[in-house]
Every structure is written in C-alpha cells, then in structure tokens.
Amino acid sequence: MLINFKQRNNLIFDLDGTLIDSSEGVVISTNYALTSIGEKAREPEEIKRFIGYPLEEMFDSFSDKSYPEFWKYFQEKAKEAVVASTIPIGRSGEVLIELHSRGYRIGIGTTKIRVHIEKILDKLNWRKYIFAYVGADDVTDVKPAPEAFIKAMTLMEANPSNSVVIGDTVNDIWAAQAAGIPAIGVKSIFGGNGKLQKSNPDRLIDNIEELLEIFK
C-alpha cells in the first residue's frame, strides 16, 4: 500500500544513528565498563555496529559476566562521555527545525536513558522542537518491542493513522511494524543497511535531509 506521508503530522524519530552520532562516547563507556569487570577492551568498529540496539545485546556478544555490573560502570562513564561526544548527523538539526516550523509534531523513541536524552537535547538546543521523548528507562521492553513508539504516540496524542517512525536500524522498523506505524528507514552511518532494506521499511532514504522533500 502506498503511504501518503504528507497527511501524517506526528514524526517519531530514533536518536542514535538517525539524528545524532554519540559513538565516541559509547566506545569510551563500553571499554571502561568491560575493563572494569575484567574483560578486554574492544575495537571501536566492534562496538559501533551495536549502536542503536539494546545495550544488553552488545554486552552478550562481548562477555558472559554480570550485565548489571557492566551496566553500572557503563552509565558511570556515559553520563559525561556520551553527552560530551554527541554531534548532529549531517543537517539533522536544521531538518528538525524546518519540520517543526512546518507544523509537524516531533517525538523521539530511543534506547538511550532519559537523563542522556535530556542532556543531549539541551546541548544541541533541540528541546524546544521535541514534543515528547521516550527512553529505555521509560519502558519495560526496548526496541524491537513497540512500547517506546506506542508510548511516544500516547504522549503526542497521536495514533498509527497519523504517525510515522524514522529510524536507521532493523529494530526501529520492526518496532514500528509491531506498533502498526509506517516507517521510513534512513541509511545508517554505522552500517547494517542491507539488513535495514530487508526489514521492508515503507520507504528507504539515503540521508535525513530527504525528509524535507517527503514532508513538504
């Protein structure tokens, strides 16, 4: 079915890999946590391929030790390193501002925790453009479960018939599909775009700037 995106005024974005790049801080925090629990540090590219996915999924690939202990050390370092390293991807900030000016409501559904979301939005001066945001600590099950997007719709007073999800991983697409929301896949700077295409997003774009043509 052909989706008329222009009739949908609630846009729910993923954060990492879609709007922002915080990979430097994620690498620093991951290796700090791994070495703190007695594991070896990993190469940046090993870590970056998990960005945008649940933290536990990455941990399970690197260690069979205690995830809660890893999580504690990760968050200890991440509260400074992740926010400090965060930069917009391309012209994502300009795109958000323009979509907001056109009357679109903008939401976020991410695997980042709420305190990091808020600090990142403040650092980039984006908070005024975001109607609602949902993080990993706001839900019981993170993506690919649909809970983050469903909760974002609730906060935005939206529904699947007037919403769109924009994300860069298969987990974003699967979560949107499970929530009954059309999804636009954005090719990721972290790779995995073959899998993204196979997840059958309703539309696949090369970069975030193309949204300005879709949502005129």
N, C-alpha and C. Protein backbone atom coordinates (compact mmCIF):
# COMPACT_ATOMS: atom_id res chain seq x y z
N MET A 1 0.84 -1.20 0.00
CA MET A 1 0.00 0.00 0.00
C MET A 1 0.88 1.25 0.00
N LEU A 2 0.56 2.20 -0.88
CA LEU A 2 1.30 3.44 -0.96
C LEU A 2 0.92 4.36 0.19
N ILE A 3 1.91 4.81 0.93
CA ILE A 3 1.67 5.66 2.10
C ILE A 3 1.74 7.13 1.70
N ASN A 4 0.71 7.88 2.06
CA ASN A 4 0.74 9.34 1.87
C ASN A 4 1.33 9.95 3.14
N PHE A 5 2.63 10.13 3.15
CA PHE A 5 3.31 10.61 4.35
C PHE A 5 2.90 12.05 4.72
N LYS A 6 2.56 12.84 3.73
CA LYS A 6 2.26 14.25 3.99
C LYS A 6 1.03 14.43 4.88
N GLN A 7 0.17 13.42 4.93
CA GLN A 7 -1.03 13.50 5.77
C GLN A 7 -0.77 13.08 7.20
N ARG A 8 0.48 12.74 7.50
CA ARG A 8 0.84 12.27 8.85
C ARG A 8 1.70 13.34 9.51
N ASN A 9 1.19 13.92 10.59
CA ASN A 9 1.87 15.08 11.17
C ASN A 9 2.61 14.77 12.48
N ASN A 10 2.70 13.49 12.84
CA ASN A 10 3.45 13.11 14.04
C ASN A 10 4.64 12.25 13.62
N LEU A 11 5.82 12.79 13.78
CA LEU A 11 7.04 12.13 13.32
C LEU A 11 7.84 11.67 14.52
N ILE A 12 8.01 10.35 14.65
CA ILE A 12 8.72 9.77 15.80
C ILE A 12 10.08 9.27 15.34
N PHE A 13 11.12 9.90 15.84
CA PHE A 13 12.48 9.59 15.42
C PHE A 13 13.20 8.69 16.41
N ASP A 14 14.02 7.80 15.88
CA ASP A 14 15.09 7.20 16.66
C ASP A 14 16.13 8.29 16.88
N LEU A 15 17.07 8.07 17.81
CA LEU A 15 18.06 9.10 18.10
C LEU A 15 19.44 8.72 17.53
N ASP A 16 20.10 7.72 18.12
CA ASP A 16 21.45 7.33 17.69
C ASP A 16 21.46 6.79 16.27
N GLY A 17 22.31 7.35 15.43
CA GLY A 17 22.45 6.88 14.06
C GLY A 17 21.44 7.48 13.12
N THR A 18 20.38 8.07 13.66
CA THR A 18 19.36 8.73 12.85
C THR A 18 19.51 10.24 12.91
N LEU A 19 19.56 10.78 14.13
CA LEU A 19 19.71 12.21 14.33
C LEU A 19 21.09 12.60 14.86
N ILE A 20 21.68 11.72 15.68
CA ILE A 20 22.94 12.07 16.34
C ILE A 20 23.98 10.97 16.20
N ASP A 21 25.24 11.37 16.39
CA ASP A 21 26.35 10.43 16.49
C ASP A 21 27.01 10.64 17.86
N SER A 22 26.82 9.68 18.75
CA SER A 22 27.47 9.72 20.06
C SER A 22 28.43 8.54 20.21
N SER A 23 28.91 8.05 19.06
CA SER A 23 29.67 6.79 19.04
C SER A 23 30.97 6.88 19.84
N GLU A 24 31.63 8.02 19.81
CA GLU A 24 32.89 8.14 20.56
C GLU A 24 32.66 7.90 22.04
N GLY A 25 31.61 8.49 22.58
CA GLY A 25 31.29 8.30 23.99
C GLY A 25 30.84 6.89 24.31
N VAL A 26 30.12 6.27 23.39
CA VAL A 26 29.68 4.89 23.58
C VAL A 26 30.88 3.95 23.62
N VAL A 27 31.84 4.17 22.74
CA VAL A 27 33.05 3.35 22.72
C VAL A 27 33.82 3.51 24.03
N ILE A 28 34.01 4.76 24.46
CA ILE A 28 34.73 5.02 25.71
C ILE A 28 34.03 4.36 26.89
N SER A 29 32.72 4.50 26.96
CA SER A 29 31.95 3.97 28.09
C SER A 29 31.92 2.45 28.08
N THR A 30 31.80 1.86 26.90
CA THR A 30 31.78 0.41 26.78
C THR A 30 33.11 -0.19 27.23
N ASN A 31 34.19 0.37 26.75
CA ASN A 31 35.50 -0.18 27.11
C ASN A 31 35.84 0.07 28.58
N TYR A 32 35.39 1.19 29.12
CA TYR A 32 35.57 1.43 30.55
C TYR A 32 34.84 0.36 31.36
N ALA A 33 33.61 0.06 30.96
CA ALA A 33 32.81 -0.93 31.68
C ALA A 33 33.39 -2.34 31.50
N LEU A 34 33.80 -2.67 30.29
CA LEU A 34 34.36 -4.01 30.04
C LEU A 34 35.62 -4.24 30.87
N THR A 35 36.53 -3.30 30.84
CA THR A 35 37.78 -3.48 31.59
C THR A 35 37.54 -3.44 33.10
N SER A 36 36.50 -2.72 33.52
CA SER A 36 36.18 -2.66 34.95
C SER A 36 35.68 -3.99 35.49
N ILE A 37 35.11 -4.82 34.62
CA ILE A 37 34.64 -6.14 35.07
C ILE A 37 35.60 -7.24 34.65
N GLY A 38 36.79 -6.86 34.17
CA GLY A 38 37.83 -7.84 33.87
C GLY A 38 37.83 -8.38 32.46
N GLU A 39 37.10 -7.73 31.55
CA GLU A 39 37.12 -8.14 30.16
C GLU A 39 38.08 -7.26 29.36
N LYS A 40 38.43 -7.70 28.18
CA LYS A 40 39.32 -6.90 27.34
C LYS A 40 38.55 -5.79 26.63
N ALA A 41 39.26 -4.69 26.36
CA ALA A 41 38.66 -3.61 25.58
C ALA A 41 38.45 -4.08 24.14
N ARG A 42 37.47 -3.49 23.49
CA ARG A 42 37.14 -3.85 22.12
C ARG A 42 37.49 -2.71 21.16
N GLU A 43 37.69 -3.07 19.89
CA GLU A 43 37.96 -2.06 18.88
C GLU A 43 36.71 -1.23 18.62
N PRO A 44 36.88 0.05 18.29
CA PRO A 44 35.71 0.91 18.05
C PRO A 44 34.69 0.33 17.07
N GLU A 45 35.18 -0.28 15.98
CA GLU A 45 34.23 -0.78 14.99
C GLU A 45 33.43 -1.97 15.50
N GLU A 46 34.00 -2.74 16.44
CA GLU A 46 33.24 -3.83 17.05
C GLU A 46 32.06 -3.29 17.85
N ILE A 47 32.27 -2.17 18.49
CA ILE A 47 31.24 -1.57 19.35
C ILE A 47 30.21 -0.80 18.53
N LYS A 48 30.68 -0.06 17.54
CA LYS A 48 29.78 0.82 16.78
C LYS A 48 28.68 0.07 16.06
N ARG A 49 28.95 -1.19 15.69
CA ARG A 49 27.91 -1.93 14.96
C ARG A 49 26.70 -2.25 15.83
N PHE A 50 26.84 -2.07 17.16
CA PHE A 50 25.72 -2.31 18.07
C PHE A 50 24.99 -1.03 18.46
N ILE A 51 25.47 0.11 18.01
CA ILE A 51 24.85 1.38 18.40
C ILE A 51 23.43 1.45 17.84
N GLY A 52 22.51 1.83 18.69
CA GLY A 52 21.10 1.86 18.32
C GLY A 52 20.35 0.60 18.72
N TYR A 53 21.09 -0.41 19.19
CA TYR A 53 20.48 -1.64 19.67
C TYR A 53 20.54 -1.66 21.20
N PRO A 54 19.78 -2.54 21.84
CA PRO A 54 19.83 -2.61 23.30
C PRO A 54 21.25 -2.87 23.81
N LEU A 55 21.62 -2.18 24.87
CA LEU A 55 22.97 -2.31 25.43
C LEU A 55 23.27 -3.76 25.82
N GLU A 56 22.27 -4.45 26.33
CA GLU A 56 22.47 -5.83 26.76
C GLU A 56 22.82 -6.74 25.58
N GLU A 57 22.31 -6.41 24.40
CA GLU A 57 22.62 -7.22 23.22
C GLU A 57 24.11 -7.11 22.88
N MET A 58 24.66 -5.91 22.99
CA MET A 58 26.09 -5.73 22.77
C MET A 58 26.89 -6.46 23.85
N PHE A 59 26.49 -6.31 25.09
CA PHE A 59 27.21 -6.95 26.19
C PHE A 59 27.27 -8.46 26.02
N ASP A 60 26.16 -9.05 25.63
CA ASP A 60 26.11 -10.51 25.47
C ASP A 60 27.09 -11.01 24.41
N SER A 61 27.46 -10.14 23.46
CA SER A 61 28.42 -10.52 22.43
C SER A 61 29.86 -10.42 22.92
N PHE A 62 30.07 -9.70 24.01
CA PHE A 62 31.42 -9.44 24.49
C PHE A 62 31.77 -10.17 25.79
N SER A 63 30.75 -10.61 26.54
CA SER A 63 31.03 -11.15 27.87
C SER A 63 29.92 -12.07 28.34
N ASP A 64 30.28 -12.99 29.24
CA ASP A 64 29.26 -13.82 29.90
C ASP A 64 29.22 -13.52 31.40
N LYS A 65 29.78 -12.38 31.78
CA LYS A 65 29.78 -11.97 33.18
C LYS A 65 28.50 -11.21 33.52
N SER A 66 28.50 -10.50 34.64
CA SER A 66 27.30 -9.85 35.15
C SER A 66 26.93 -8.60 34.34
N TYR A 67 25.76 -8.65 33.68
CA TYR A 67 25.31 -7.47 32.95
C TYR A 67 25.01 -6.30 33.87
N PRO A 68 24.34 -6.49 35.03
CA PRO A 68 24.08 -5.34 35.91
C PRO A 68 25.36 -4.61 36.33
N GLU A 69 26.45 -5.36 36.55
CA GLU A 69 27.71 -4.72 36.92
C GLU A 69 28.26 -3.91 35.73
N PHE A 70 28.20 -4.51 34.55
CA PHE A 70 28.63 -3.80 33.34
C PHE A 70 27.81 -2.53 33.16
N TRP A 71 26.49 -2.65 33.30
CA TRP A 71 25.59 -1.50 33.12
C TRP A 71 25.94 -0.37 34.08
N LYS A 72 26.26 -0.72 35.32
CA LYS A 72 26.62 0.29 36.32
C LYS A 72 27.85 1.08 35.90
N TYR A 73 28.88 0.37 35.47
CA TYR A 73 30.11 1.05 35.04
C TYR A 73 29.89 1.84 33.75
N PHE A 74 29.10 1.26 32.83
CA PHE A 74 28.81 1.96 31.58
C PHE A 74 28.15 3.30 31.86
N GLN A 75 27.11 3.30 32.69
CA GLN A 75 26.39 4.54 32.97
C GLN A 75 27.26 5.52 33.75
N GLU A 76 28.13 5.02 34.58
CA GLU A 76 29.04 5.87 35.35
C GLU A 76 29.90 6.73 34.41
N LYS A 77 30.42 6.09 33.36
CA LYS A 77 31.25 6.81 32.40
C LYS A 77 30.41 7.57 31.38
N ALA A 78 29.28 6.98 31.00
CA ALA A 78 28.45 7.56 29.93
C ALA A 78 27.84 8.90 30.30
N LYS A 79 27.59 9.14 31.58
CA LYS A 79 26.93 10.39 31.97
C LYS A 79 27.73 11.61 31.55
N GLU A 80 29.03 11.44 31.33
CA GLU A 80 29.85 12.53 30.83
C GLU A 80 30.27 12.28 29.37
N ALA A 81 30.78 11.07 29.10
CA ALA A 81 31.38 10.81 27.79
C ALA A 81 30.38 10.82 26.64
N VAL A 82 29.20 10.24 26.84
CA VAL A 82 28.23 10.13 25.74
C VAL A 82 27.71 11.50 25.35
N VAL A 83 27.29 12.27 26.33
CA VAL A 83 26.76 13.61 26.02
C VAL A 83 27.85 14.49 25.43
N ALA A 84 29.04 14.45 26.01
CA ALA A 84 30.14 15.30 25.55
C ALA A 84 30.51 15.01 24.10
N SER A 85 30.39 13.76 23.67
CA SER A 85 30.81 13.39 22.32
C SER A 85 29.72 13.57 21.28
N THR A 86 28.50 13.84 21.69
CA THR A 86 27.37 13.85 20.77
C THR A 86 27.44 15.01 19.77
N ILE A 87 27.26 14.68 18.50
CA ILE A 87 27.17 15.68 17.44
C ILE A 87 25.97 15.33 16.55
N PRO A 88 25.38 16.32 15.88
CA PRO A 88 24.31 16.00 14.94
C PRO A 88 24.86 15.26 13.74
N ILE A 89 24.05 14.43 13.13
CA ILE A 89 24.42 13.77 11.87
C ILE A 89 24.00 14.67 10.72
N GLY A 90 24.97 15.10 9.94
CA GLY A 90 24.66 15.95 8.80
C GLY A 90 23.90 17.19 9.20
N ARG A 91 22.81 17.45 8.53
CA ARG A 91 21.99 18.63 8.79
C ARG A 91 20.75 18.27 9.62
N SER A 92 20.88 17.26 10.47
CA SER A 92 19.70 16.79 11.21
C SER A 92 19.05 17.89 12.04
N GLY A 93 19.86 18.76 12.63
CA GLY A 93 19.29 19.85 13.43
C GLY A 93 18.47 20.79 12.58
N GLU A 94 18.99 21.15 11.41
CA GLU A 94 18.25 22.03 10.50
C GLU A 94 16.96 21.37 10.03
N VAL A 95 17.03 20.06 9.79
CA VAL A 95 15.84 19.33 9.35
C VAL A 95 14.76 19.35 10.43
N LEU A 96 15.15 19.10 11.68
CA LEU A 96 14.17 19.15 12.78
C LEU A 96 13.54 20.52 12.90
N ILE A 97 14.35 21.55 12.82
CA ILE A 97 13.83 22.92 12.95
C ILE A 97 12.85 23.23 11.83
N GLU A 98 13.19 22.82 10.61
CA GLU A 98 12.32 23.10 9.47
C GLU A 98 11.01 22.31 9.56
N LEU A 99 11.10 21.03 9.93
CA LEU A 99 9.87 20.23 10.08
C LEU A 99 8.98 20.81 11.17
N HIS A 100 9.59 21.25 12.26
CA HIS A 100 8.83 21.88 13.34
C HIS A 100 8.14 23.15 12.82
N SER A 101 8.84 23.93 12.03
CA SER A 101 8.27 25.18 11.51
C SER A 101 7.12 24.91 10.54
N ARG A 102 7.12 23.73 9.93
CA ARG A 102 6.03 23.35 9.01
C ARG A 102 4.83 22.79 9.74
N GLY A 103 4.91 22.70 11.06
CA GLY A 103 3.77 22.26 11.85
C GLY A 103 3.76 20.81 12.24
N TYR A 104 4.85 20.08 11.98
CA TYR A 104 4.91 18.67 12.37
C TYR A 104 5.27 18.55 13.84
N ARG A 105 4.62 17.61 14.52
CA ARG A 105 5.00 17.28 15.89
C ARG A 105 6.12 16.25 15.85
N ILE A 106 7.14 16.46 16.65
CA ILE A 106 8.31 15.60 16.62
C ILE A 106 8.47 14.88 17.95
N GLY A 107 8.59 13.57 17.87
CA GLY A 107 8.83 12.75 19.06
C GLY A 107 10.10 11.93 18.89
N ILE A 108 10.56 11.36 19.99
CA ILE A 108 11.75 10.52 19.97
C ILE A 108 11.47 9.23 20.74
N GLY A 109 11.88 8.10 20.17
CA GLY A 109 11.84 6.81 20.85
C GLY A 109 13.20 6.17 20.71
N THR A 110 13.93 5.99 21.80
CA THR A 110 15.32 5.60 21.74
C THR A 110 15.68 4.60 22.83
N THR A 111 16.83 3.94 22.66
CA THR A 111 17.33 3.06 23.70
C THR A 111 18.23 3.80 24.69
N LYS A 112 18.47 5.08 24.47
CA LYS A 112 19.19 5.88 25.46
C LYS A 112 18.31 6.12 26.68
N ILE A 113 18.92 6.30 27.85
CA ILE A 113 18.13 6.58 29.04
C ILE A 113 17.74 8.05 29.06
N ARG A 114 16.70 8.35 29.83
CA ARG A 114 16.09 9.68 29.80
C ARG A 114 17.07 10.80 30.15
N VAL A 115 17.92 10.61 31.14
CA VAL A 115 18.83 11.69 31.53
C VAL A 115 19.78 12.04 30.40
N HIS A 116 20.20 11.05 29.62
CA HIS A 116 21.07 11.33 28.48
C HIS A 116 20.30 12.03 27.36
N ILE A 117 19.06 11.61 27.14
CA ILE A 117 18.23 12.28 26.13
C ILE A 117 18.13 13.77 26.45
N GLU A 118 17.80 14.06 27.68
CA GLU A 118 17.58 15.45 28.07
C GLU A 118 18.86 16.28 27.95
N LYS A 119 19.99 15.71 28.37
CA LYS A 119 21.25 16.45 28.28
C LYS A 119 21.66 16.66 26.83
N ILE A 120 21.40 15.68 25.98
CA ILE A 120 21.73 15.82 24.56
C ILE A 120 20.84 16.88 23.91
N LEU A 121 19.56 16.84 24.20
CA LEU A 121 18.64 17.83 23.63
C LEU A 121 19.03 19.24 24.06
N ASP A 122 19.44 19.38 25.32
CA ASP A 122 19.86 20.69 25.80
C ASP A 122 21.18 21.12 25.16
N LYS A 123 22.12 20.20 25.03
CA LYS A 123 23.41 20.53 24.41
C LYS A 123 23.22 21.02 22.98
N LEU A 124 22.34 20.37 22.23
CA LEU A 124 22.13 20.71 20.83
C LEU A 124 21.08 21.79 20.64
N ASN A 125 20.47 22.23 21.76
CA ASN A 125 19.41 23.24 21.72
C ASN A 125 18.21 22.76 20.89
N TRP A 126 17.86 21.50 21.07
CA TRP A 126 16.75 20.89 20.33
C TRP A 126 15.49 20.73 21.17
N ARG A 127 15.57 20.91 22.46
CA ARG A 127 14.44 20.53 23.32
C ARG A 127 13.15 21.24 22.91
N LYS A 128 13.26 22.48 22.48
CA LYS A 128 12.07 23.26 22.12
C LYS A 128 11.33 22.70 20.91
N TYR A 129 12.03 21.84 20.13
CA TYR A 129 11.41 21.30 18.92
C TYR A 129 10.83 19.90 19.13
N ILE A 130 11.07 19.32 20.29
CA ILE A 130 10.65 17.94 20.57
C ILE A 130 9.41 17.94 21.45
N PHE A 131 8.34 17.37 20.93
CA PHE A 131 7.07 17.35 21.67
C PHE A 131 7.10 16.32 22.79
N ALA A 132 7.72 15.16 22.55
CA ALA A 132 7.78 14.10 23.56
C ALA A 132 8.97 13.21 23.27
N TYR A 133 9.50 12.58 24.33
CA TYR A 133 10.60 11.63 24.14
C TYR A 133 10.44 10.48 25.13
N VAL A 134 10.84 9.29 24.66
CA VAL A 134 10.73 8.07 25.45
C VAL A 134 12.07 7.34 25.38
N GLY A 135 12.63 7.04 26.54
CA GLY A 135 13.91 6.36 26.60
C GLY A 135 13.80 4.94 27.14
N ALA A 136 14.96 4.30 27.27
CA ALA A 136 14.99 2.90 27.69
C ALA A 136 14.43 2.71 29.09
N ASP A 137 14.63 3.70 29.96
CA ASP A 137 14.13 3.56 31.33
C ASP A 137 12.68 4.00 31.48
N ASP A 138 12.03 4.32 30.37
CA ASP A 138 10.60 4.67 30.38
C ASP A 138 9.72 3.50 29.96
N VAL A 139 10.36 2.39 29.54
CA VAL A 139 9.60 1.25 29.03
C VAL A 139 10.06 -0.03 29.71
N THR A 140 9.23 -1.04 29.61
CA THR A 140 9.59 -2.37 30.11
C THR A 140 10.44 -3.12 29.11
N ASP A 141 10.08 -2.99 27.82
CA ASP A 141 10.78 -3.69 26.75
C ASP A 141 11.22 -2.69 25.68
N VAL A 142 12.54 -2.64 25.43
CA VAL A 142 13.07 -1.71 24.44
C VAL A 142 12.88 -2.28 23.03
N LYS A 143 13.14 -1.45 22.03
CA LYS A 143 13.07 -1.90 20.64
C LYS A 143 13.95 -3.13 20.43
N PRO A 144 13.46 -4.13 19.68
CA PRO A 144 12.40 -4.07 18.68
C PRO A 144 10.97 -4.21 19.21
N ALA A 145 10.78 -4.26 20.51
CA ALA A 145 9.42 -4.19 21.04
C ALA A 145 8.83 -2.82 20.68
N PRO A 146 7.54 -2.73 20.48
CA PRO A 146 6.93 -1.47 20.02
C PRO A 146 6.64 -0.45 21.13
N GLU A 147 6.95 -0.79 22.38
CA GLU A 147 6.49 0.01 23.52
C GLU A 147 6.93 1.46 23.46
N ALA A 148 8.19 1.72 23.06
CA ALA A 148 8.67 3.11 23.03
C ALA A 148 7.87 3.96 22.05
N PHE A 149 7.56 3.40 20.89
CA PHE A 149 6.81 4.16 19.90
C PHE A 149 5.34 4.30 20.29
N ILE A 150 4.79 3.28 20.90
CA ILE A 150 3.41 3.37 21.37
C ILE A 150 3.28 4.44 22.46
N LYS A 151 4.24 4.44 23.38
CA LYS A 151 4.21 5.43 24.46
C LYS A 151 4.42 6.84 23.91
N ALA A 152 5.31 6.97 22.93
CA ALA A 152 5.53 8.29 22.31
C ALA A 152 4.24 8.79 21.67
N MET A 153 3.52 7.90 20.96
CA MET A 153 2.24 8.31 20.37
C MET A 153 1.26 8.78 21.43
N THR A 154 1.21 8.06 22.54
CA THR A 154 0.30 8.45 23.61
C THR A 154 0.63 9.85 24.12
N LEU A 155 1.91 10.11 24.35
CA LEU A 155 2.34 11.42 24.83
C LEU A 155 2.07 12.52 23.81
N MET A 156 2.10 12.16 22.54
CA MET A 156 1.87 13.13 21.47
C MET A 156 0.41 13.25 21.10
N GLU A 157 -0.45 12.48 21.78
CA GLU A 157 -1.88 12.43 21.46
C GLU A 157 -2.07 12.05 19.99
N ALA A 158 -1.29 11.07 19.56
CA ALA A 158 -1.29 10.62 18.18
C ALA A 158 -1.77 9.18 18.10
N ASN A 159 -1.83 8.65 16.88
CA ASN A 159 -2.22 7.26 16.66
C ASN A 159 -1.53 6.77 15.38
N PRO A 160 -1.58 5.45 15.11
CA PRO A 160 -0.87 4.93 13.93
C PRO A 160 -1.31 5.53 12.60
N SER A 161 -2.53 6.03 12.53
CA SER A 161 -3.02 6.57 11.26
C SER A 161 -2.46 7.95 10.94
N ASN A 162 -1.89 8.63 11.95
CA ASN A 162 -1.34 9.97 11.67
C ASN A 162 0.12 10.10 12.10
N SER A 163 0.81 8.95 12.21
CA SER A 163 2.20 8.95 12.69
C SER A 163 3.12 8.24 11.70
N VAL A 164 4.41 8.57 11.80
CA VAL A 164 5.46 7.92 11.02
C VAL A 164 6.67 7.74 11.94
N VAL A 165 7.34 6.61 11.80
CA VAL A 165 8.61 6.38 12.51
C VAL A 165 9.76 6.56 11.53
N ILE A 166 10.83 7.21 11.99
CA ILE A 166 12.04 7.38 11.18
C ILE A 166 13.21 6.81 11.98
N GLY A 167 13.88 5.79 11.42
CA GLY A 167 14.98 5.17 12.14
C GLY A 167 16.00 4.54 11.22
N ASP A 168 17.15 4.15 11.79
CA ASP A 168 18.27 3.66 10.96
C ASP A 168 18.61 2.19 11.18
N THR A 169 17.87 1.48 12.02
CA THR A 169 18.16 0.07 12.24
C THR A 169 16.92 -0.79 12.03
N VAL A 170 17.16 -2.09 11.89
CA VAL A 170 16.04 -3.02 11.74
C VAL A 170 15.15 -2.99 12.99
N ASN A 171 15.73 -2.73 14.15
CA ASN A 171 14.92 -2.68 15.37
C ASN A 171 13.90 -1.55 15.31
N ASP A 172 14.27 -0.43 14.70
CA ASP A 172 13.32 0.67 14.54
C ASP A 172 12.17 0.26 13.62
N ILE A 173 12.52 -0.39 12.53
CA ILE A 173 11.50 -0.80 11.56
C ILE A 173 10.59 -1.86 12.15
N TRP A 174 11.18 -2.86 12.80
CA TRP A 174 10.37 -3.92 13.42
C TRP A 174 9.46 -3.36 14.51
N ALA A 175 9.97 -2.45 15.31
CA ALA A 175 9.15 -1.86 16.37
C ALA A 175 8.00 -1.06 15.78
N ALA A 176 8.27 -0.32 14.72
CA ALA A 176 7.20 0.44 14.06
C ALA A 176 6.15 -0.49 13.48
N GLN A 177 6.60 -1.54 12.82
CA GLN A 177 5.66 -2.50 12.23
C GLN A 177 4.80 -3.15 13.31
N ALA A 178 5.41 -3.49 14.45
CA ALA A 178 4.66 -4.10 15.55
C ALA A 178 3.64 -3.14 16.14
N ALA A 179 3.93 -1.84 16.05
CA ALA A 179 3.01 -0.83 16.56
C ALA A 179 1.99 -0.39 15.51
N GLY A 180 2.12 -0.91 14.29
CA GLY A 180 1.19 -0.57 13.22
C GLY A 180 1.45 0.79 12.61
N ILE A 181 2.71 1.28 12.70
CA ILE A 181 3.05 2.62 12.21
C ILE A 181 3.93 2.48 10.97
N PRO A 182 3.66 3.22 9.91
CA PRO A 182 4.56 3.22 8.76
C PRO A 182 5.95 3.70 9.17
N ALA A 183 6.98 3.19 8.48
CA ALA A 183 8.35 3.52 8.87
C ALA A 183 9.18 3.94 7.67
N ILE A 184 10.00 4.95 7.90
CA ILE A 184 10.99 5.39 6.92
C ILE A 184 12.36 4.99 7.45
N GLY A 185 13.10 4.18 6.68
CA GLY A 185 14.44 3.80 7.06
C GLY A 185 15.45 4.79 6.51
N VAL A 186 16.37 5.23 7.36
CA VAL A 186 17.46 6.12 6.95
C VAL A 186 18.75 5.33 6.99
N LYS A 187 19.47 5.29 5.90
CA LYS A 187 20.72 4.53 5.87
C LYS A 187 21.65 5.02 6.97
N SER A 188 22.23 4.07 7.69
CA SER A 188 22.98 4.38 8.91
C SER A 188 24.46 4.64 8.65
N ILE A 189 25.03 5.55 9.39
CA ILE A 189 26.47 5.80 9.33
C ILE A 189 27.24 4.65 9.99
N PHE A 190 26.55 3.78 10.72
CA PHE A 190 27.19 2.67 11.41
C PHE A 190 27.08 1.36 10.65
N GLY A 191 26.51 1.38 9.45
CA GLY A 191 26.39 0.17 8.64
C GLY A 191 25.10 -0.59 8.91
N GLY A 192 25.05 -1.82 8.43
CA GLY A 192 23.86 -2.65 8.60
C GLY A 192 22.72 -2.29 7.66
N ASN A 193 23.03 -1.59 6.55
CA ASN A 193 21.96 -1.10 5.68
C ASN A 193 21.34 -2.19 4.80
N GLY A 194 22.09 -3.28 4.60
CA GLY A 194 21.50 -4.41 3.90
C GLY A 194 20.36 -5.01 4.70
N LYS A 195 20.60 -5.18 5.99
CA LYS A 195 19.55 -5.69 6.88
C LYS A 195 18.39 -4.70 6.97
N LEU A 196 18.73 -3.41 7.01
CA LEU A 196 17.68 -2.39 7.08
C LEU A 196 16.75 -2.48 5.89
N GLN A 197 17.31 -2.63 4.70
CA GLN A 197 16.49 -2.74 3.49
C GLN A 197 15.62 -4.00 3.52
N LYS A 198 16.18 -5.09 4.01
CA LYS A 198 15.43 -6.35 4.06
C LYS A 198 14.30 -6.32 5.08
N SER A 199 14.36 -5.38 6.03
CA SER A 199 13.28 -5.28 7.03
C SER A 199 12.02 -4.63 6.44
N ASN A 200 12.10 -4.22 5.19
CA ASN A 200 10.95 -3.70 4.45
C ASN A 200 10.34 -2.43 5.04
N PRO A 201 11.15 -1.37 5.22
CA PRO A 201 10.55 -0.08 5.60
C PRO A 201 9.63 0.39 4.48
N ASP A 202 8.69 1.23 4.80
CA ASP A 202 7.77 1.73 3.78
C ASP A 202 8.48 2.65 2.78
N ARG A 203 9.60 3.20 3.24
CA ARG A 203 10.46 3.99 2.35
C ARG A 203 11.87 3.95 2.91
N LEU A 204 12.87 3.93 2.02
CA LEU A 204 14.27 3.93 2.43
C LEU A 204 14.94 5.14 1.81
N ILE A 205 15.60 5.96 2.65
CA ILE A 205 16.26 7.17 2.16
C ILE A 205 17.75 7.13 2.51
N ASP A 206 18.52 7.87 1.75
CA ASP A 206 19.97 7.88 1.94
C ASP A 206 20.41 8.75 3.11
N ASN A 207 19.69 9.84 3.36
CA ASN A 207 20.05 10.73 4.46
C ASN A 207 18.84 11.49 4.95
N ILE A 208 18.98 12.07 6.13
CA ILE A 208 17.87 12.70 6.83
C ILE A 208 17.30 13.90 6.07
N GLU A 209 18.12 14.53 5.23
CA GLU A 209 17.68 15.73 4.52
C GLU A 209 16.54 15.43 3.54
N GLU A 210 16.43 14.20 3.09
CA GLU A 210 15.38 13.83 2.16
C GLU A 210 13.99 13.97 2.78
N LEU A 211 13.93 14.00 4.10
CA LEU A 211 12.62 14.18 4.75
C LEU A 211 11.97 15.50 4.38
N LEU A 212 12.76 16.50 4.05
CA LEU A 212 12.20 17.80 3.71
C LEU A 212 11.45 17.76 2.38
N GLU A 213 11.78 16.79 1.53
CA GLU A 213 11.03 16.59 0.29
C GLU A 213 9.79 15.74 0.54
N ILE A 214 9.92 14.79 1.45
CA ILE A 214 8.79 13.90 1.74
C ILE A 214 7.68 14.65 2.49
N PHE A 215 8.10 15.47 3.47
CA PHE A 215 7.13 16.17 4.31
C PHE A 215 7.10 17.67 3.96
N LYS A 216 6.65 17.97 2.75
CA LYS A 216 6.58 19.36 2.29
C LYS A 216 5.40 20.08 2.93
